[in-house]
Every structure is written in structure tokens, then in C-alpha cells.
Amino acid sequence: MSTLYLNLKTEYFQQIKAGTKPEEYRLMTDHWCKRLEGRAYDRIEIANGYPKKDDTENRIERPWRGYEIKTITHPHFGPDPVRVFAIKVN
């Protein structure tokens, strides 16, 4: 079973856990293009930072639902619009 691992800051992890954040964004860099384009995963494991393996409170497992390519403006990426992979985590 193939898994995409996403490590997040607490703010974004809590939003996903609460169900208020349906997508997680990753810049369209070479690194993320290689990890996402033309690949399929069975599931996503979302972690609050880098918790220990047995820390289930700080990990969320979701089925893989794909991604979309979007252009967004987000404070985390600065004031200019950027192209991102919007990974579906809901």
C-alpha cells in the first residue's frame, strides 16, 4: 500500500482534524512534481509536525482523493499568487 506523508504545522493540522480545511497546499516545485504527478497513492498520512510512530493523537489517516493544480494567494507563501498542488484531505 502506497502512502503520501504530509507533515504540517499545528495550525493547519488542527484545521484538517476539525474538518474546516479540505485541501493542503504544496508549491509546484520539482520535489512535489516528482512526488505527485503521474502517481497514485492508496492513502495519505497527515502528521502534526514529526510525532513518534505510536502517537495517534497527532496523526490522521485519510484515503487518497487526488489533487488539483490551483493558483492561490496565501500568507504562508508570501503576498504574490503562486501555483500549488491542492491535495484533497477531507
PDB file of N, CA and C in Angstrom:
ATOM      1  N   MET A   1       0.839  -1.169   0.000  1.00  0.00           N
ATOM      2  CA  MET A   1       0.000   0.000   0.000  1.00  0.00           C
ATOM      3  C   MET A   1       0.895   1.247   0.000  1.00  0.00           C
ATOM      4  N   SER A   2       0.669   2.161  -0.947  1.00  0.00           N
ATOM      5  CA  SER A   2       1.499   3.361  -1.015  1.00  0.00           C
ATOM      6  C   SER A   2       0.842   4.507  -0.239  1.00  0.00           C
ATOM      7  N   THR A   3       1.681   5.230   0.478  1.00  0.00           N
ATOM      8  CA  THR A   3       1.212   6.298   1.361  1.00  0.00           C
ATOM      9  C   THR A   3       1.955   7.586   1.055  1.00  0.00           C
ATOM     10  N   LEU A   4       1.217   8.685   0.982  1.00  0.00           N
ATOM     11  CA  LEU A   4       1.803  10.005   0.880  1.00  0.00           C
ATOM     12  C   LEU A   4       1.832  10.583   2.292  1.00  0.00           C
ATOM     13  N   TYR A   5       3.014  10.965   2.756  1.00  0.00           N
ATOM     14  CA  TYR A   5       3.173  11.521   4.094  1.00  0.00           C
ATOM     15  C   TYR A   5       3.252  13.033   4.006  1.00  0.00           C
ATOM     16  N   LEU A   6       2.426  13.710   4.799  1.00  0.00           N
ATOM     17  CA  LEU A   6       2.432  15.168   4.870  1.00  0.00           C
ATOM     18  C   LEU A   6       2.624  15.596   6.322  1.00  0.00           C
ATOM     19  N   ASN A   7       3.675  16.337   6.596  1.00  0.00           N
ATOM     20  CA  ASN A   7       3.927  16.861   7.931  1.00  0.00           C
ATOM     21  C   ASN A   7       3.539  18.337   7.934  1.00  0.00           C
ATOM     22  N   LEU A   8       2.698  18.715   8.893  1.00  0.00           N
ATOM     23  CA  LEU A   8       2.124  20.057   8.904  1.00  0.00           C
ATOM     24  C   LEU A   8       2.420  20.798  10.200  1.00  0.00           C
ATOM     25  N   LYS A   9       2.266  22.118  10.126  1.00  0.00           N
ATOM     26  CA  LYS A   9       2.292  22.942  11.326  1.00  0.00           C
ATOM     27  C   LYS A   9       0.998  22.687  12.095  1.00  0.00           C
ATOM     28  N   THR A  10       1.023  22.896  13.391  1.00  0.00           N
ATOM     29  CA  THR A  10      -0.122  22.603  14.256  1.00  0.00           C
ATOM     30  C   THR A  10      -1.396  23.294  13.784  1.00  0.00           C
ATOM     31  N   GLU A  11      -1.303  24.545  13.388  1.00  0.00           N
ATOM     32  CA  GLU A  11      -2.474  25.305  12.949  1.00  0.00           C
ATOM     33  C   GLU A  11      -3.220  24.584  11.821  1.00  0.00           C
ATOM     34  N   TYR A  12      -2.487  24.152  10.806  1.00  0.00           N
ATOM     35  CA  TYR A  12      -3.114  23.503   9.654  1.00  0.00           C
ATOM     36  C   TYR A  12      -3.575  22.090   9.991  1.00  0.00           C
ATOM     37  N   PHE A  13      -2.810  21.381  10.820  1.00  0.00           N
ATOM     38  CA  PHE A  13      -3.206  20.040  11.251  1.00  0.00           C
ATOM     39  C   PHE A  13      -4.547  20.093  11.988  1.00  0.00           C
ATOM     40  N   GLN A  14      -4.690  21.045  12.910  1.00  0.00           N
ATOM     41  CA  GLN A  14      -5.929  21.164  13.690  1.00  0.00           C
ATOM     42  C   GLN A  14      -7.117  21.512  12.789  1.00  0.00           C
ATOM     43  N   GLN A  15      -6.903  22.338  11.770  1.00  0.00           N
ATOM     44  CA  GLN A  15      -7.982  22.681  10.846  1.00  0.00           C
ATOM     45  C   GLN A  15      -8.445  21.455  10.062  1.00  0.00           C
ATOM     46  N   ILE A  16      -7.518  20.631   9.625  1.00  0.00           N
ATOM     47  CA  ILE A  16      -7.878  19.410   8.897  1.00  0.00           C
ATOM     48  C   ILE A  16      -8.601  18.451   9.835  1.00  0.00           C
ATOM     49  N   LYS A  17      -8.080  18.300  11.036  1.00  0.00           N
ATOM     50  CA  LYS A  17      -8.694  17.399  12.019  1.00  0.00           C
ATOM     51  C   LYS A  17     -10.127  17.825  12.345  1.00  0.00           C
ATOM     52  N   ALA A  18     -10.363  19.142  12.410  1.00  0.00           N
ATOM     53  CA  ALA A  18     -11.698  19.672  12.705  1.00  0.00           C
ATOM     54  C   ALA A  18     -12.620  19.643  11.485  1.00  0.00           C
ATOM     55  N   GLY A  19     -12.062  19.381  10.309  1.00  0.00           N
ATOM     56  CA  GLY A  19     -12.867  19.313   9.097  1.00  0.00           C
ATOM     57  C   GLY A  19     -13.103  20.652   8.420  1.00  0.00           C
ATOM     58  N   THR A  20     -12.369  21.695   8.821  1.00  0.00           N
ATOM     59  CA  THR A  20     -12.566  23.021   8.237  1.00  0.00           C
ATOM     60  C   THR A  20     -11.591  23.320   7.097  1.00  0.00           C
ATOM     61  N   LYS A  21     -10.605  22.477   6.891  1.00  0.00           N
ATOM     62  CA  LYS A  21      -9.614  22.688   5.824  1.00  0.00           C
ATOM     63  C   LYS A  21      -9.650  21.469   4.898  1.00  0.00           C
ATOM     64  N   PRO A  22     -10.264  21.603   3.711  1.00  0.00           N
ATOM     65  CA  PRO A  22     -10.418  20.440   2.832  1.00  0.00           C
ATOM     66  C   PRO A  22      -9.211  20.135   1.956  1.00  0.00           C
ATOM     67  N   GLU A  23      -8.269  21.086   1.852  1.00  0.00           N
ATOM     68  CA  GLU A  23      -7.105  20.883   0.984  1.00  0.00           C
ATOM     69  C   GLU A  23      -5.832  21.314   1.704  1.00  0.00           C
ATOM     70  N   GLU A  24      -4.758  20.628   1.390  1.00  0.00           N
ATOM     71  CA  GLU A  24      -3.425  21.008   1.871  1.00  0.00           C
ATOM     72  C   GLU A  24      -2.623  21.406   0.648  1.00  0.00           C
ATOM     73  N   TYR A  25      -1.913  22.529   0.740  1.00  0.00           N
ATOM     74  CA  TYR A  25      -1.213  23.085  -0.409  1.00  0.00           C
ATOM     75  C   TYR A  25       0.275  22.792  -0.367  1.00  0.00           C
ATOM     76  N   ARG A  26       0.817  22.465  -1.538  1.00  0.00           N
ATOM     77  CA  ARG A  26       2.257  22.300  -1.720  1.00  0.00           C
ATOM     78  C   ARG A  26       2.642  23.038  -2.993  1.00  0.00           C
ATOM     79  N   LEU A  27       3.693  23.848  -2.911  1.00  0.00           N
ATOM     80  CA  LEU A  27       4.163  24.594  -4.071  1.00  0.00           C
ATOM     81  C   LEU A  27       4.535  23.649  -5.206  1.00  0.00           C
ATOM     82  N   MET A  28       4.376  24.094  -6.423  1.00  0.00           N
ATOM     83  CA  MET A  28       4.730  23.289  -7.587  1.00  0.00           C
ATOM     84  C   MET A  28       6.238  23.361  -7.826  1.00  0.00           C
ATOM     85  N   THR A  29       6.992  22.729  -6.949  1.00  0.00           N
ATOM     86  CA  THR A  29       8.442  22.633  -7.088  1.00  0.00           C
ATOM     87  C   THR A  29       8.788  21.299  -7.733  1.00  0.00           C
ATOM     88  N   ASP A  30      10.044  21.139  -8.149  1.00  0.00           N
ATOM     89  CA  ASP A  30      10.482  19.861  -8.715  1.00  0.00           C
ATOM     90  C   ASP A  30      10.215  18.720  -7.736  1.00  0.00           C
ATOM     91  N   HIS A  31      10.491  18.973  -6.465  1.00  0.00           N
ATOM     92  CA  HIS A  31      10.296  17.946  -5.426  1.00  0.00           C
ATOM     93  C   HIS A  31       8.852  17.437  -5.422  1.00  0.00           C
ATOM     94  N   TRP A  32       7.869  18.366  -5.373  1.00  0.00           N
ATOM     95  CA  TRP A  32       6.476  17.949  -5.292  1.00  0.00           C
ATOM     96  C   TRP A  32       5.952  17.442  -6.629  1.00  0.00           C
ATOM     97  N   CYS A  33       6.474  17.940  -7.733  1.00  0.00           N
ATOM     98  CA  CYS A  33       6.082  17.391  -9.038  1.00  0.00           C
ATOM     99  C   CYS A  33       6.460  15.914  -9.126  1.00  0.00           C
ATOM    100  N   LYS A  34       7.664  15.569  -8.686  1.00  0.00           N
ATOM    101  CA  LYS A  34       8.110  14.167  -8.714  1.00  0.00           C
ATOM    102  C   LYS A  34       7.262  13.294  -7.789  1.00  0.00           C
ATOM    103  N   ARG A  35       6.824  13.829  -6.669  1.00  0.00           N
ATOM    104  CA  ARG A  35       6.051  13.050  -5.710  1.00  0.00           C
ATOM    105  C   ARG A  35       4.590  12.898  -6.090  1.00  0.00           C
ATOM    106  N   LEU A  36       4.058  13.826  -6.910  1.00  0.00           N
ATOM    107  CA  LEU A  36       2.627  13.805  -7.173  1.00  0.00           C
ATOM    108  C   LEU A  36       2.229  13.525  -8.620  1.00  0.00           C
ATOM    109  N   GLU A  37       2.895  14.120  -9.577  1.00  0.00           N
ATOM    110  CA  GLU A  37       2.463  13.986 -10.969  1.00  0.00           C
ATOM    111  C   GLU A  37       2.646  12.559 -11.475  1.00  0.00           C
ATOM    112  N   GLY A  38       1.567  12.018 -12.034  1.00  0.00           N
ATOM    113  CA  GLY A  38       1.612  10.676 -12.589  1.00  0.00           C
ATOM    114  C   GLY A  38       1.665   9.563 -11.557  1.00  0.00           C
ATOM    115  N   ARG A  39       1.419   9.889 -10.300  1.00  0.00           N
ATOM    116  CA  ARG A  39       1.468   8.888  -9.232  1.00  0.00           C
ATOM    117  C   ARG A  39       0.109   8.771  -8.573  1.00  0.00           C
ATOM    118  N   ALA A  40      -0.165   7.598  -8.060  1.00  0.00           N
ATOM    119  CA  ALA A  40      -1.390   7.364  -7.304  1.00  0.00           C
ATOM    120  C   ALA A  40      -1.003   6.751  -5.970  1.00  0.00           C
ATOM    121  N   TYR A  41      -1.692   7.156  -4.951  1.00  0.00           N
ATOM    122  CA  TYR A  41      -1.458   6.631  -3.612  1.00  0.00           C
ATOM    123  C   TYR A  41      -2.724   5.942  -3.140  1.00  0.00           C
ATOM    124  N   ASP A  42      -2.581   5.093  -2.142  1.00  0.00           N
ATOM    125  CA  ASP A  42      -3.745   4.458  -1.535  1.00  0.00           C
ATOM    126  C   ASP A  42      -4.302   5.310  -0.400  1.00  0.00           C
ATOM    127  N   ARG A  43      -3.396   6.020   0.271  1.00  0.00           N
ATOM    128  CA  ARG A  43      -3.817   6.811   1.423  1.00  0.00           C
ATOM    129  C   ARG A  43      -2.850   7.963   1.663  1.00  0.00           C
ATOM    130  N   ILE A  44      -3.280   8.876   2.557  1.00  0.00           N
ATOM    131  CA  ILE A  44      -2.459   9.991   2.995  1.00  0.00           C
ATOM    132  C   ILE A  44      -2.315   9.876   4.503  1.00  0.00           C
ATOM    133  N   GLU A  45      -1.114  10.082   5.000  1.00  0.00           N
ATOM    134  CA  GLU A  45      -0.919  10.174   6.444  1.00  0.00           C
ATOM    135  C   GLU A  45      -0.480  11.597   6.760  1.00  0.00           C
ATOM    136  N   ILE A  46      -1.315  12.290   7.519  1.00  0.00           N
ATOM    137  CA  ILE A  46      -1.074  13.681   7.876  1.00  0.00           C
ATOM    138  C   ILE A  46      -0.594  13.704   9.324  1.00  0.00           C
ATOM    139  N   ALA A  47       0.515  14.388   9.557  1.00  0.00           N
ATOM    140  CA  ALA A  47       1.078  14.422  10.903  1.00  0.00           C
ATOM    141  C   ALA A  47       1.241  15.861  11.379  1.00  0.00           C
ATOM    142  N   ASN A  48       1.047  16.033  12.674  1.00  0.00           N
ATOM    143  CA  ASN A  48       1.285  17.315  13.335  1.00  0.00           C
ATOM    144  C   ASN A  48       2.769  17.377  13.672  1.00  0.00           C
ATOM    145  N   GLY A  49       3.526  18.010  12.799  1.00  0.00           N
ATOM    146  CA  GLY A  49       4.982  18.051  12.984  1.00  0.00           C
ATOM    147  C   GLY A  49       5.585  16.693  12.667  1.00  0.00           C
ATOM    148  N   TYR A  50       6.442  16.218  13.568  1.00  0.00           N
ATOM    149  CA  TYR A  50       7.112  14.924  13.399  1.00  0.00           C
ATOM    150  C   TYR A  50       6.919  14.087  14.663  1.00  0.00           C
ATOM    151  N   PRO A  51       5.681  13.584  14.880  1.00  0.00           N
ATOM    152  CA  PRO A  51       5.409  12.824  16.095  1.00  0.00           C
ATOM    153  C   PRO A  51       6.009  11.421  16.046  1.00  0.00           C
ATOM    154  N   LYS A  52       6.070  10.792  17.211  1.00  0.00           N
ATOM    155  CA  LYS A  52       6.513   9.400  17.286  1.00  0.00           C
ATOM    156  C   LYS A  52       5.512   8.514  16.559  1.00  0.00           C
ATOM    157  N   LYS A  53       5.974   7.365  16.091  1.00  0.00           N
ATOM    158  CA  LYS A  53       5.123   6.448  15.307  1.00  0.00           C
ATOM    159  C   LYS A  53       3.831   6.072  16.026  1.00  0.00           C
ATOM    160  N   ASP A  54       3.877   5.892  17.341  1.00  0.00           N
ATOM    161  CA  ASP A  54       2.701   5.438  18.090  1.00  0.00           C
ATOM    162  C   ASP A  54       1.832   6.586  18.605  1.00  0.00           C
ATOM    163  N   ASP A  55       2.121   7.810  18.230  1.00  0.00           N
ATOM    164  CA  ASP A  55       1.364   8.981  18.676  1.00  0.00           C
ATOM    165  C   ASP A  55       0.148   9.183  17.755  1.00  0.00           C
ATOM    166  N   THR A  56      -0.943   8.501  18.064  1.00  0.00           N
ATOM    167  CA  THR A  56      -2.128   8.542  17.207  1.00  0.00           C
ATOM    168  C   THR A  56      -2.905   9.853  17.317  1.00  0.00           C
ATOM    169  N   GLU A  57      -2.710  10.608  18.371  1.00  0.00           N
ATOM    170  CA  GLU A  57      -3.388  11.898  18.523  1.00  0.00           C
ATOM    171  C   GLU A  57      -2.874  12.919  17.523  1.00  0.00           C
ATOM    172  N   ASN A  58      -1.641  12.757  17.071  1.00  0.00           N
ATOM    173  CA  ASN A  58      -1.025  13.715  16.169  1.00  0.00           C
ATOM    174  C   ASN A  58      -0.836  13.169  14.764  1.00  0.00           C
ATOM    175  N   ARG A  59      -1.654  12.183  14.397  1.00  0.00           N
ATOM    176  CA  ARG A  59      -1.638  11.609  13.056  1.00  0.00           C
ATOM    177  C   ARG A  59      -3.075  11.400  12.583  1.00  0.00           C
ATOM    178  N   ILE A  60      -3.283  11.654  11.314  1.00  0.00           N
ATOM    179  CA  ILE A  60      -4.587  11.417  10.689  1.00  0.00           C
ATOM    180  C   ILE A  60      -4.331  10.607   9.424  1.00  0.00           C
ATOM    181  N   GLU A  61      -5.116   9.594   9.224  1.00  0.00           N
ATOM    182  CA  GLU A  61      -5.013   8.798   8.001  1.00  0.00           C
ATOM    183  C   GLU A  61      -6.283   9.007   7.191  1.00  0.00           C
ATOM    184  N   ARG A  62      -6.108   9.304   5.905  1.00  0.00           N
ATOM    185  CA  ARG A  62      -7.232   9.540   5.009  1.00  0.00           C
ATOM    186  C   ARG A  62      -6.994   8.791   3.703  1.00  0.00           C
ATOM    187  N   PRO A  63      -8.066   8.441   2.992  1.00  0.00           N
ATOM    188  CA  PRO A  63      -7.882   7.833   1.663  1.00  0.00           C
ATOM    189  C   PRO A  63      -7.360   8.874   0.673  1.00  0.00           C
ATOM    190  N   TRP A  64      -6.638   8.415  -0.317  1.00  0.00           N
ATOM    191  CA  TRP A  64      -6.123   9.300  -1.371  1.00  0.00           C
ATOM    192  C   TRP A  64      -7.278   9.708  -2.269  1.00  0.00           C
ATOM    193  N   ARG A  65      -7.474  11.005  -2.439  1.00  0.00           N
ATOM    194  CA  ARG A  65      -8.531  11.524  -3.303  1.00  0.00           C
ATOM    195  C   ARG A  65      -7.976  12.419  -4.403  1.00  0.00           C
ATOM    196  N   GLY A  66      -6.660  12.433  -4.543  1.00  0.00           N
ATOM    197  CA  GLY A  66      -6.048  13.195  -5.621  1.00  0.00           C
ATOM    198  C   GLY A  66      -5.767  14.642  -5.265  1.00  0.00           C
ATOM    199  N   TYR A  67      -5.539  15.419  -6.310  1.00  0.00           N
ATOM    200  CA  TYR A  67      -5.201  16.832  -6.127  1.00  0.00           C
ATOM    201  C   TYR A  67      -5.659  17.616  -7.345  1.00  0.00           C
ATOM    202  N   GLU A  68      -5.657  18.934  -7.202  1.00  0.00           N
ATOM    203  CA  GLU A  68      -5.902  19.854  -8.307  1.00  0.00           C
ATOM    204  C   GLU A  68      -4.741  20.835  -8.330  1.00  0.00           C
ATOM    205  N   ILE A  69      -4.483  21.396  -9.492  1.00  0.00           N
ATOM    206  CA  ILE A  69      -3.488  22.459  -9.594  1.00  0.00           C
ATOM    207  C   ILE A  69      -4.248  23.775  -9.569  1.00  0.00           C
ATOM    208  N   LYS A  70      -3.854  24.657  -8.644  1.00  0.00           N
ATOM    209  CA  LYS A  70      -4.536  25.936  -8.470  1.00  0.00           C
ATOM    210  C   LYS A  70      -3.523  27.062  -8.365  1.00  0.00           C
ATOM    211  N   THR A  71      -3.988  28.265  -8.602  1.00  0.00           N
ATOM    212  CA  THR A  71      -3.209  29.465  -8.332  1.00  0.00           C
ATOM    213  C   THR A  71      -3.878  30.157  -7.150  1.00  0.00           C
ATOM    214  N   ILE A  72      -3.114  30.345  -6.071  1.00  0.00           N
ATOM    215  CA  ILE A  72      -3.674  30.921  -4.852  1.00  0.00           C
ATOM    216  C   ILE A  72      -2.758  32.021  -4.313  1.00  0.00           C
ATOM    217  N   THR A  73      -3.320  32.839  -3.446  1.00  0.00           N
ATOM    218  CA  THR A  73      -2.547  33.783  -2.651  1.00  0.00           C
ATOM    219  C   THR A  73      -2.763  33.361  -1.206  1.00  0.00           C
ATOM    220  N   HIS A  74      -1.684  33.082  -0.503  1.00  0.00           N
ATOM    221  CA  HIS A  74      -1.770  32.578   0.867  1.00  0.00           C
ATOM    222  C   HIS A  74      -0.627  33.178   1.670  1.00  0.00           C
ATOM    223  N   PRO A  75      -0.883  33.617   2.907  1.00  0.00           N
ATOM    224  CA  PRO A  75       0.172  34.245   3.707  1.00  0.00           C
ATOM    225  C   PRO A  75       1.409  33.360   3.901  1.00  0.00           C
ATOM    226  N   HIS A  76       1.216  32.060   3.919  1.00  0.00           N
ATOM    227  CA  HIS A  76       2.340  31.138   4.112  1.00  0.00           C
ATOM    228  C   HIS A  76       3.336  31.209   2.950  1.00  0.00           C
ATOM    229  N   PHE A  77       2.837  31.531   1.742  1.00  0.00           N
ATOM    230  CA  PHE A  77       3.681  31.569   0.547  1.00  0.00           C
ATOM    231  C   PHE A  77       4.073  32.983   0.134  1.00  0.00           C
ATOM    232  N   GLY A  78       3.669  33.983   0.898  1.00  0.00           N
ATOM    233  CA  GLY A  78       4.008  35.362   0.577  1.00  0.00           C
ATOM    234  C   GLY A  78       2.851  36.100  -0.075  1.00  0.00           C
ATOM    235  N   PRO A  79       3.075  37.358  -0.471  1.00  0.00           N
ATOM    236  CA  PRO A  79       1.976  38.203  -0.971  1.00  0.00           C
ATOM    237  C   PRO A  79       1.587  37.960  -2.434  1.00  0.00           C
ATOM    238  N   ASP A  80       2.426  37.291  -3.203  1.00  0.00           N
ATOM    239  CA  ASP A  80       2.146  37.090  -4.627  1.00  0.00           C
ATOM    240  C   ASP A  80       1.413  35.776  -4.880  1.00  0.00           C
ATOM    241  N   PRO A  81       0.585  35.718  -5.928  1.00  0.00           N
ATOM    242  CA  PRO A  81      -0.076  34.458  -6.291  1.00  0.00           C
ATOM    243  C   PRO A  81       0.960  33.398  -6.689  1.00  0.00           C
ATOM    244  N   VAL A  82       0.701  32.161  -6.294  1.00  0.00           N
ATOM    245  CA  VAL A  82       1.598  31.041  -6.615  1.00  0.00           C
ATOM    246  C   VAL A  82       0.774  29.858  -7.104  1.00  0.00           C
ATOM    247  N   ARG A  83       1.411  29.007  -7.913  1.00  0.00           N
ATOM    248  CA  ARG A  83       0.757  27.768  -8.357  1.00  0.00           C
ATOM    249  C   ARG A  83       1.084  26.669  -7.359  1.00  0.00           C
ATOM    250  N   VAL A  84       0.047  25.928  -6.980  1.00  0.00           N
ATOM    251  CA  VAL A  84       0.201  24.901  -5.958  1.00  0.00           C
ATOM    252  C   VAL A  84      -0.535  23.627  -6.361  1.00  0.00           C
ATOM    253  N   PHE A  85      -0.131  22.533  -5.727  1.00  0.00           N
ATOM    254  CA  PHE A  85      -0.913  21.311  -5.732  1.00  0.00           C
ATOM    255  C   PHE A  85      -1.863  21.433  -4.536  1.00  0.00           C
ATOM    256  N   ALA A  86      -3.153  21.361  -4.790  1.00  0.00           N
ATOM    257  CA  ALA A  86      -4.164  21.390  -3.729  1.00  0.00           C
ATOM    258  C   ALA A  86      -4.566  19.938  -3.471  1.00  0.00           C
ATOM    259  N   ILE A  87      -3.938  19.327  -2.462  1.00  0.00           N
ATOM    260  CA  ILE A  87      -4.152  17.921  -2.157  1.00  0.00           C
ATOM    261  C   ILE A  87      -5.421  17.785  -1.331  1.00  0.00           C
ATOM    262  N   LYS A  88      -6.336  16.949  -1.782  1.00  0.00           N
ATOM    263  CA  LYS A  88      -7.624  16.769  -1.095  1.00  0.00           C
ATOM    264  C   LYS A  88      -7.438  15.926   0.174  1.00  0.00           C
ATOM    265  N   VAL A  89      -7.758  16.532   1.308  1.00  0.00           N
ATOM    266  CA  VAL A  89      -7.562  15.844   2.593  1.00  0.00           C
ATOM    267  C   VAL A  89      -8.843  15.695   3.381  1.00  0.00           C
ATOM    268  N   ASN A  90      -9.997  16.032   2.795  1.00  0.00           N
ATOM    269  CA  ASN A  90     -11.265  15.942   3.532  1.00  0.00           C
ATOM    270  C   ASN A  90     -11.827  14.545   3.474  1.00  0.00           C
TER     271      ASN A  90
END
